[in-house]
Amino acid sequence: MMTRVPPEHACSGSALGLLFRQVRDAMWARMERELEISGHDLTFSQFITIKQLATGHAGVTDLARAADLNPGAMTRLLDKLEARGLLLREADPNDRRALHIHLTEAGRQLWSDIDQCGARVRERALHGMDEATRTQLTRLLEQVRDSLTRED
């Protein structure tokens, strides 16, 4: 059970960062549990990779960034997904050093199922919040993200 941050420390940088980390970790753990319950042998990083590829092709660097992995770890993850027949890596015709990675038909079918797992986790995370509160939370989190990533 997580302890609550006392109000006088609620806005300190370390408390806010810790809260973000706890939310992220809880979302990842819940997603892995949901995938397991649904009979899918996937990690959260594999889920994120498949999610990214569901919208088209991507490169190793972009996928690694999305899944919070280093490029070497992402390459190993891609090896596993490719061995399962879920994705293909093809050489970029304009840059022989680059790869286009995309889902196979089996990968697209898997995505349609695991996307529902993601929807259930999102709904659980936002349980008890009305639509206005959900929208406000998303807007505020985007504002925090944008403030921290903006170049000054």
N, C-alpha and C. Protein backbone atom coordinates (compact mmCIF):
# COMPACT_ATOMS: atom_id res chain seq x y z
N MET A 1 0.84 -1.17 0.00
CA MET A 1 0.00 0.00 0.00
C MET A 1 0.88 1.24 0.00
N MET A 2 0.55 2.21 -0.85
CA MET A 2 1.34 3.42 -0.94
C MET A 2 0.87 4.43 0.10
N THR A 3 1.82 5.17 0.67
CA THR A 3 1.46 6.20 1.63
C THR A 3 1.20 7.50 0.90
N ARG A 4 0.34 8.29 1.48
CA ARG A 4 0.00 9.58 0.89
C ARG A 4 1.06 10.61 1.26
N VAL A 5 1.30 11.55 0.35
CA VAL A 5 2.26 12.61 0.58
C VAL A 5 1.57 13.68 1.44
N PRO A 6 2.20 14.10 2.54
CA PRO A 6 1.59 15.16 3.35
C PRO A 6 1.39 16.42 2.52
N PRO A 7 0.31 17.17 2.77
CA PRO A 7 0.00 18.36 1.96
C PRO A 7 1.15 19.36 1.87
N GLU A 8 1.91 19.53 2.96
CA GLU A 8 3.00 20.52 2.93
C GLU A 8 4.14 20.11 1.99
N HIS A 9 4.17 18.82 1.59
CA HIS A 9 5.21 18.33 0.68
C HIS A 9 4.65 17.98 -0.70
N ALA A 10 3.36 18.20 -0.89
CA ALA A 10 2.70 17.73 -2.11
C ALA A 10 3.28 18.31 -3.38
N CYS A 11 3.79 19.51 -3.34
CA CYS A 11 4.28 20.14 -4.57
C CYS A 11 5.80 20.19 -4.65
N SER A 12 6.48 19.53 -3.73
CA SER A 12 7.93 19.52 -3.84
C SER A 12 8.32 18.71 -5.07
N GLY A 13 9.39 19.07 -5.70
CA GLY A 13 9.82 18.39 -6.92
C GLY A 13 10.00 16.91 -6.75
N SER A 14 10.60 16.50 -5.62
CA SER A 14 10.84 15.07 -5.42
C SER A 14 9.54 14.32 -5.20
N ALA A 15 8.58 14.91 -4.48
CA ALA A 15 7.30 14.24 -4.25
C ALA A 15 6.51 14.13 -5.56
N LEU A 16 6.52 15.16 -6.36
CA LEU A 16 5.81 15.14 -7.63
C LEU A 16 6.44 14.12 -8.57
N GLY A 17 7.75 14.11 -8.65
CA GLY A 17 8.45 13.13 -9.49
C GLY A 17 8.18 11.71 -9.04
N LEU A 18 8.18 11.50 -7.73
CA LEU A 18 7.91 10.18 -7.19
C LEU A 18 6.48 9.75 -7.52
N LEU A 19 5.53 10.67 -7.39
CA LEU A 19 4.14 10.35 -7.72
C LEU A 19 4.02 9.97 -9.20
N PHE A 20 4.64 10.71 -10.09
CA PHE A 20 4.62 10.37 -11.52
C PHE A 20 5.20 8.98 -11.74
N ARG A 21 6.31 8.69 -11.07
CA ARG A 21 6.95 7.39 -11.22
C ARG A 21 6.05 6.27 -10.70
N GLN A 22 5.39 6.51 -9.57
CA GLN A 22 4.50 5.50 -9.00
C GLN A 22 3.31 5.24 -9.93
N VAL A 23 2.77 6.30 -10.51
CA VAL A 23 1.65 6.14 -11.46
C VAL A 23 2.12 5.35 -12.67
N ARG A 24 3.27 5.72 -13.23
CA ARG A 24 3.81 5.00 -14.39
C ARG A 24 4.03 3.53 -14.07
N ASP A 25 4.67 3.25 -12.95
CA ASP A 25 4.95 1.87 -12.58
C ASP A 25 3.66 1.08 -12.36
N ALA A 26 2.67 1.71 -11.73
CA ALA A 26 1.39 1.03 -11.50
C ALA A 26 0.67 0.75 -12.82
N MET A 27 0.73 1.70 -13.75
CA MET A 27 0.11 1.49 -15.08
C MET A 27 0.80 0.33 -15.79
N TRP A 28 2.13 0.31 -15.77
CA TRP A 28 2.87 -0.76 -16.45
C TRP A 28 2.56 -2.11 -15.84
N ALA A 29 2.56 -2.17 -14.51
CA ALA A 29 2.29 -3.44 -13.84
C ALA A 29 0.86 -3.90 -14.12
N ARG A 30 -0.10 -2.99 -14.08
CA ARG A 30 -1.49 -3.34 -14.36
C ARG A 30 -1.64 -3.82 -15.80
N MET A 31 -0.92 -3.20 -16.73
CA MET A 31 -1.01 -3.59 -18.13
C MET A 31 -0.44 -4.99 -18.32
N GLU A 32 0.69 -5.27 -17.70
CA GLU A 32 1.26 -6.62 -17.82
C GLU A 32 0.32 -7.66 -17.21
N ARG A 33 -0.32 -7.32 -16.11
CA ARG A 33 -1.27 -8.24 -15.48
C ARG A 33 -2.48 -8.46 -16.40
N GLU A 34 -2.98 -7.41 -17.00
CA GLU A 34 -4.12 -7.51 -17.92
C GLU A 34 -3.78 -8.36 -19.14
N LEU A 35 -2.58 -8.17 -19.67
CA LEU A 35 -2.14 -8.98 -20.81
C LEU A 35 -2.07 -10.46 -20.42
N GLU A 36 -1.52 -10.71 -19.23
CA GLU A 36 -1.41 -12.10 -18.75
C GLU A 36 -2.79 -12.73 -18.56
N ILE A 37 -3.70 -12.02 -17.93
CA ILE A 37 -5.06 -12.52 -17.72
C ILE A 37 -5.74 -12.83 -19.05
N SER A 38 -5.43 -12.02 -20.06
CA SER A 38 -6.03 -12.21 -21.39
C SER A 38 -5.32 -13.26 -22.22
N GLY A 39 -4.29 -13.89 -21.65
CA GLY A 39 -3.60 -14.97 -22.33
C GLY A 39 -2.50 -14.54 -23.29
N HIS A 40 -2.01 -13.33 -23.12
CA HIS A 40 -0.96 -12.82 -24.00
C HIS A 40 0.37 -12.80 -23.26
N ASP A 41 1.37 -13.42 -23.84
CA ASP A 41 2.70 -13.47 -23.26
C ASP A 41 3.50 -12.29 -23.78
N LEU A 42 3.20 -11.09 -23.24
CA LEU A 42 3.85 -9.86 -23.67
C LEU A 42 4.24 -9.03 -22.46
N THR A 43 5.36 -8.35 -22.57
CA THR A 43 5.75 -7.37 -21.56
C THR A 43 5.12 -6.03 -21.94
N PHE A 44 5.19 -5.07 -21.01
CA PHE A 44 4.68 -3.74 -21.31
C PHE A 44 5.45 -3.13 -22.47
N SER A 45 6.75 -3.31 -22.51
CA SER A 45 7.56 -2.76 -23.60
C SER A 45 7.17 -3.36 -24.95
N GLN A 46 6.85 -4.64 -24.96
CA GLN A 46 6.38 -5.27 -26.21
C GLN A 46 5.02 -4.70 -26.61
N PHE A 47 4.14 -4.50 -25.63
CA PHE A 47 2.84 -3.89 -25.90
C PHE A 47 3.02 -2.51 -26.53
N ILE A 48 3.87 -1.68 -25.93
CA ILE A 48 4.10 -0.32 -26.45
C ILE A 48 4.67 -0.38 -27.87
N THR A 49 5.57 -1.31 -28.12
CA THR A 49 6.15 -1.45 -29.45
C THR A 49 5.08 -1.81 -30.48
N ILE A 50 4.25 -2.77 -30.15
CA ILE A 50 3.17 -3.17 -31.06
C ILE A 50 2.20 -2.00 -31.25
N LYS A 51 1.90 -1.28 -30.18
CA LYS A 51 1.01 -0.11 -30.27
C LYS A 51 1.59 0.93 -31.23
N GLN A 52 2.88 1.22 -31.11
CA GLN A 52 3.52 2.19 -32.00
C GLN A 52 3.46 1.74 -33.46
N LEU A 53 3.68 0.44 -33.67
CA LEU A 53 3.69 -0.08 -35.03
C LEU A 53 2.28 -0.21 -35.62
N ALA A 54 1.25 -0.21 -34.77
CA ALA A 54 -0.12 -0.32 -35.25
C ALA A 54 -0.53 0.87 -36.11
N THR A 55 0.18 1.99 -35.95
CA THR A 55 -0.14 3.18 -36.74
C THR A 55 0.72 3.30 -38.00
N GLY A 56 1.60 2.34 -38.24
CA GLY A 56 2.46 2.38 -39.43
C GLY A 56 3.83 1.81 -39.11
N HIS A 57 4.82 2.15 -39.92
CA HIS A 57 6.17 1.64 -39.66
C HIS A 57 6.94 2.64 -38.81
N ALA A 58 8.00 2.16 -38.20
CA ALA A 58 8.84 3.00 -37.35
C ALA A 58 10.26 2.46 -37.38
N GLY A 59 11.19 3.25 -36.86
CA GLY A 59 12.57 2.84 -36.75
C GLY A 59 12.90 2.41 -35.33
N VAL A 60 14.05 1.78 -35.17
CA VAL A 60 14.47 1.27 -33.87
C VAL A 60 14.57 2.39 -32.83
N THR A 61 15.14 3.52 -33.19
CA THR A 61 15.33 4.61 -32.24
C THR A 61 14.00 5.13 -31.72
N ASP A 62 13.04 5.35 -32.61
CA ASP A 62 11.73 5.84 -32.19
C ASP A 62 11.01 4.83 -31.30
N LEU A 63 11.11 3.56 -31.66
CA LEU A 63 10.48 2.53 -30.85
C LEU A 63 11.14 2.43 -29.47
N ALA A 64 12.46 2.52 -29.44
CA ALA A 64 13.19 2.45 -28.17
C ALA A 64 12.78 3.60 -27.26
N ARG A 65 12.65 4.79 -27.83
CA ARG A 65 12.25 5.95 -27.05
C ARG A 65 10.84 5.74 -26.48
N ALA A 66 9.92 5.26 -27.30
CA ALA A 66 8.53 5.06 -26.86
C ALA A 66 8.44 4.02 -25.76
N ALA A 67 9.26 2.98 -25.84
CA ALA A 67 9.21 1.88 -24.86
C ALA A 67 10.17 2.09 -23.69
N ASP A 68 10.89 3.22 -23.69
CA ASP A 68 11.83 3.55 -22.63
C ASP A 68 12.92 2.47 -22.51
N LEU A 69 13.48 2.10 -23.67
CA LEU A 69 14.57 1.11 -23.73
C LEU A 69 15.75 1.71 -24.47
N ASN A 70 16.93 1.15 -24.27
CA ASN A 70 18.06 1.56 -25.09
C ASN A 70 17.97 0.81 -26.43
N PRO A 71 18.62 1.30 -27.47
CA PRO A 71 18.50 0.66 -28.79
C PRO A 71 18.89 -0.82 -28.81
N GLY A 72 19.89 -1.21 -28.01
CA GLY A 72 20.29 -2.63 -27.97
C GLY A 72 19.18 -3.50 -27.40
N ALA A 73 18.56 -3.04 -26.33
CA ALA A 73 17.45 -3.79 -25.73
C ALA A 73 16.27 -3.83 -26.69
N MET A 74 16.04 -2.74 -27.41
CA MET A 74 14.95 -2.72 -28.38
C MET A 74 15.21 -3.72 -29.50
N THR A 75 16.44 -3.82 -29.95
CA THR A 75 16.78 -4.79 -31.00
C THR A 75 16.47 -6.21 -30.53
N ARG A 76 16.82 -6.53 -29.29
CA ARG A 76 16.51 -7.86 -28.75
C ARG A 76 15.00 -8.08 -28.64
N LEU A 77 14.27 -7.05 -28.23
CA LEU A 77 12.81 -7.14 -28.15
C LEU A 77 12.23 -7.39 -29.55
N LEU A 78 12.74 -6.67 -30.54
CA LEU A 78 12.26 -6.85 -31.93
C LEU A 78 12.58 -8.25 -32.43
N ASP A 79 13.74 -8.78 -32.07
CA ASP A 79 14.09 -10.15 -32.45
C ASP A 79 13.02 -11.13 -31.95
N LYS A 80 12.60 -10.96 -30.70
CA LYS A 80 11.59 -11.85 -30.12
C LYS A 80 10.25 -11.72 -30.83
N LEU A 81 9.83 -10.48 -31.09
CA LEU A 81 8.55 -10.28 -31.76
C LEU A 81 8.58 -10.77 -33.21
N GLU A 82 9.73 -10.60 -33.86
CA GLU A 82 9.87 -11.09 -35.23
C GLU A 82 9.84 -12.62 -35.26
N ALA A 83 10.50 -13.26 -34.29
CA ALA A 83 10.51 -14.73 -34.22
C ALA A 83 9.10 -15.28 -34.01
N ARG A 84 8.24 -14.49 -33.38
CA ARG A 84 6.85 -14.90 -33.18
C ARG A 84 5.97 -14.57 -34.38
N GLY A 85 6.56 -13.97 -35.42
CA GLY A 85 5.81 -13.66 -36.63
C GLY A 85 4.93 -12.43 -36.51
N LEU A 86 5.24 -11.53 -35.56
CA LEU A 86 4.39 -10.37 -35.33
C LEU A 86 4.86 -9.11 -36.06
N LEU A 87 6.11 -9.10 -36.49
CA LEU A 87 6.60 -7.93 -37.22
C LEU A 87 7.66 -8.34 -38.23
N LEU A 88 7.92 -7.42 -39.15
CA LEU A 88 8.97 -7.59 -40.15
C LEU A 88 9.87 -6.37 -40.13
N ARG A 89 11.15 -6.59 -40.38
CA ARG A 89 12.11 -5.49 -40.54
C ARG A 89 12.58 -5.53 -41.98
N GLU A 90 12.44 -4.39 -42.64
CA GLU A 90 12.87 -4.29 -44.04
C GLU A 90 13.80 -3.10 -44.20
N ALA A 91 14.75 -3.24 -45.08
CA ALA A 91 15.70 -2.16 -45.34
C ALA A 91 14.98 -0.97 -45.96
N ASP A 92 15.38 0.21 -45.54
CA ASP A 92 14.85 1.45 -46.12
C ASP A 92 15.48 1.61 -47.50
N PRO A 93 14.67 1.72 -48.55
CA PRO A 93 15.25 1.83 -49.90
C PRO A 93 16.09 3.08 -50.11
N ASN A 94 15.89 4.10 -49.27
CA ASN A 94 16.64 5.35 -49.41
C ASN A 94 17.84 5.46 -48.49
N ASP A 95 17.94 4.56 -47.52
CA ASP A 95 19.04 4.59 -46.56
C ASP A 95 19.31 3.17 -46.10
N ARG A 96 20.33 2.55 -46.63
CA ARG A 96 20.57 1.13 -46.35
C ARG A 96 20.95 0.87 -44.89
N ARG A 97 21.26 1.92 -44.12
CA ARG A 97 21.55 1.74 -42.69
C ARG A 97 20.27 1.71 -41.85
N ALA A 98 19.17 2.17 -42.43
CA ALA A 98 17.91 2.28 -41.68
C ALA A 98 16.97 1.12 -42.01
N LEU A 99 16.09 0.84 -41.06
CA LEU A 99 15.10 -0.21 -41.23
C LEU A 99 13.70 0.35 -41.10
N HIS A 100 12.78 -0.23 -41.86
CA HIS A 100 11.36 0.02 -41.65
C HIS A 100 10.84 -1.21 -40.92
N ILE A 101 10.23 -0.98 -39.78
CA ILE A 101 9.69 -2.08 -38.99
C ILE A 101 8.18 -1.93 -39.02
N HIS A 102 7.48 -3.00 -39.35
CA HIS A 102 6.02 -2.93 -39.39
C HIS A 102 5.41 -4.25 -38.97
N LEU A 103 4.14 -4.20 -38.55
CA LEU A 103 3.44 -5.39 -38.11
C LEU A 103 3.08 -6.28 -39.28
N THR A 104 3.09 -7.56 -39.04
CA THR A 104 2.56 -8.53 -40.01
C THR A 104 1.05 -8.60 -39.79
N GLU A 105 0.37 -9.40 -40.59
CA GLU A 105 -1.06 -9.60 -40.39
C GLU A 105 -1.32 -10.17 -39.00
N ALA A 106 -0.48 -11.12 -38.57
CA ALA A 106 -0.63 -11.69 -37.22
C ALA A 106 -0.45 -10.61 -36.15
N GLY A 107 0.49 -9.71 -36.38
CA GLY A 107 0.72 -8.61 -35.44
C GLY A 107 -0.47 -7.66 -35.39
N ARG A 108 -1.08 -7.38 -36.55
CA ARG A 108 -2.27 -6.51 -36.58
C ARG A 108 -3.44 -7.18 -35.88
N GLN A 109 -3.59 -8.48 -36.05
CA GLN A 109 -4.66 -9.20 -35.36
C GLN A 109 -4.43 -9.17 -33.85
N LEU A 110 -3.19 -9.38 -33.43
CA LEU A 110 -2.87 -9.32 -32.01
C LEU A 110 -3.19 -7.93 -31.46
N TRP A 111 -2.83 -6.90 -32.21
CA TRP A 111 -3.07 -5.53 -31.77
C TRP A 111 -4.56 -5.30 -31.51
N SER A 112 -5.42 -5.79 -32.37
CA SER A 112 -6.85 -5.54 -32.17
C SER A 112 -7.33 -6.14 -30.85
N ASP A 113 -6.70 -7.20 -30.38
CA ASP A 113 -7.06 -7.81 -29.10
C ASP A 113 -6.41 -7.08 -27.93
N ILE A 114 -5.12 -6.83 -28.02
CA ILE A 114 -4.44 -6.23 -26.87
C ILE A 114 -4.79 -4.75 -26.70
N ASP A 115 -5.28 -4.11 -27.74
CA ASP A 115 -5.75 -2.74 -27.61
C ASP A 115 -6.89 -2.69 -26.59
N GLN A 116 -7.70 -3.73 -26.55
CA GLN A 116 -8.78 -3.81 -25.57
C GLN A 116 -8.22 -3.93 -24.15
N CYS A 117 -7.08 -4.61 -24.00
CA CYS A 117 -6.43 -4.68 -22.69
C CYS A 117 -6.03 -3.28 -22.24
N GLY A 118 -5.48 -2.51 -23.15
CA GLY A 118 -5.10 -1.13 -22.84
C GLY A 118 -6.30 -0.28 -22.45
N ALA A 119 -7.42 -0.47 -23.14
CA ALA A 119 -8.63 0.29 -22.82
C ALA A 119 -9.12 -0.05 -21.41
N ARG A 120 -9.05 -1.32 -21.04
CA ARG A 120 -9.48 -1.72 -19.69
C ARG A 120 -8.57 -1.11 -18.62
N VAL A 121 -7.27 -1.05 -18.88
CA VAL A 121 -6.35 -0.46 -17.91
C VAL A 121 -6.60 1.05 -17.80
N ARG A 122 -6.78 1.72 -18.93
CA ARG A 122 -7.07 3.16 -18.88
C ARG A 122 -8.35 3.43 -18.10
N GLU A 123 -9.37 2.61 -18.34
CA GLU A 123 -10.64 2.79 -17.63
C GLU A 123 -10.46 2.57 -16.13
N ARG A 124 -9.68 1.59 -15.76
CA ARG A 124 -9.42 1.34 -14.34
C ARG A 124 -8.68 2.51 -13.72
N ALA A 125 -7.69 3.04 -14.42
CA ALA A 125 -6.90 4.16 -13.91
C ALA A 125 -7.76 5.40 -13.70
N LEU A 126 -8.76 5.59 -14.54
CA LEU A 126 -9.58 6.79 -14.48
C LEU A 126 -10.93 6.55 -13.80
N HIS A 127 -11.08 5.39 -13.19
CA HIS A 127 -12.34 5.02 -12.53
C HIS A 127 -12.77 6.10 -11.53
N GLY A 128 -14.04 6.43 -11.55
CA GLY A 128 -14.59 7.41 -10.62
C GLY A 128 -14.44 8.85 -11.07
N MET A 129 -13.80 9.07 -12.21
CA MET A 129 -13.65 10.44 -12.73
C MET A 129 -14.66 10.65 -13.86
N ASP A 130 -15.34 11.80 -13.82
CA ASP A 130 -16.24 12.11 -14.93
C ASP A 130 -15.42 12.58 -16.13
N GLU A 131 -16.08 12.74 -17.24
CA GLU A 131 -15.37 13.09 -18.48
C GLU A 131 -14.61 14.40 -18.38
N ALA A 132 -15.19 15.38 -17.71
CA ALA A 132 -14.52 16.68 -17.55
C ALA A 132 -13.23 16.53 -16.74
N THR A 133 -13.28 15.73 -15.69
CA THR A 133 -12.09 15.51 -14.86
C THR A 133 -11.02 14.76 -15.64
N ARG A 134 -11.44 13.76 -16.41
CA ARG A 134 -10.49 13.00 -17.24
C ARG A 134 -9.80 13.93 -18.24
N THR A 135 -10.58 14.78 -18.87
CA THR A 135 -10.03 15.73 -19.85
C THR A 135 -9.07 16.69 -19.17
N GLN A 136 -9.46 17.19 -18.00
CA GLN A 136 -8.60 18.12 -17.26
C GLN A 136 -7.30 17.45 -16.83
N LEU A 137 -7.38 16.22 -16.33
CA LEU A 137 -6.17 15.49 -15.93
C LEU A 137 -5.22 15.33 -17.11
N THR A 138 -5.75 14.92 -18.23
CA THR A 138 -4.92 14.74 -19.43
C THR A 138 -4.28 16.07 -19.84
N ARG A 139 -5.08 17.14 -19.84
CA ARG A 139 -4.55 18.45 -20.22
C ARG A 139 -3.44 18.89 -19.26
N LEU A 140 -3.64 18.69 -17.97
CA LEU A 140 -2.63 19.09 -16.99
C LEU A 140 -1.35 18.28 -17.13
N LEU A 141 -1.48 16.97 -17.33
CA LEU A 141 -0.29 16.14 -17.52
C LEU A 141 0.46 16.52 -18.79
N GLU A 142 -0.27 16.83 -19.86
CA GLU A 142 0.39 17.29 -21.09
C GLU A 142 1.11 18.61 -20.85
N GLN A 143 0.51 19.49 -20.05
CA GLN A 143 1.14 20.77 -19.73
C GLN A 143 2.44 20.55 -18.95
N VAL A 144 2.43 19.65 -17.98
CA VAL A 144 3.64 19.34 -17.21
C VAL A 144 4.70 18.79 -18.15
N ARG A 145 4.31 17.80 -18.98
CA ARG A 145 5.26 17.21 -19.93
C ARG A 145 5.86 18.28 -20.85
N ASP A 146 5.01 19.11 -21.41
CA ASP A 146 5.47 20.13 -22.34
C ASP A 146 6.38 21.15 -21.66
N SER A 147 6.07 21.51 -20.43
CA SER A 147 6.90 22.46 -19.69
C SER A 147 8.29 21.88 -19.44
N LEU A 148 8.34 20.59 -19.14
CA LEU A 148 9.63 19.96 -18.84
C LEU A 148 10.45 19.67 -20.08
N THR A 149 9.82 19.52 -21.23
CA THR A 149 10.55 19.18 -22.45
C THR A 149 10.81 20.37 -23.36
N ARG A 150 10.24 21.52 -23.02
CA ARG A 150 10.41 22.73 -23.83
C ARG A 150 11.85 23.22 -23.72
N GLU A 151 12.43 23.56 -24.83
CA GLU A 151 13.79 24.13 -24.85
C GLU A 151 13.68 25.62 -24.51
N ASP A 152 14.48 26.05 -23.56
CA ASP A 152 14.47 27.49 -23.17
C ASP A 152 15.54 28.24 -23.84
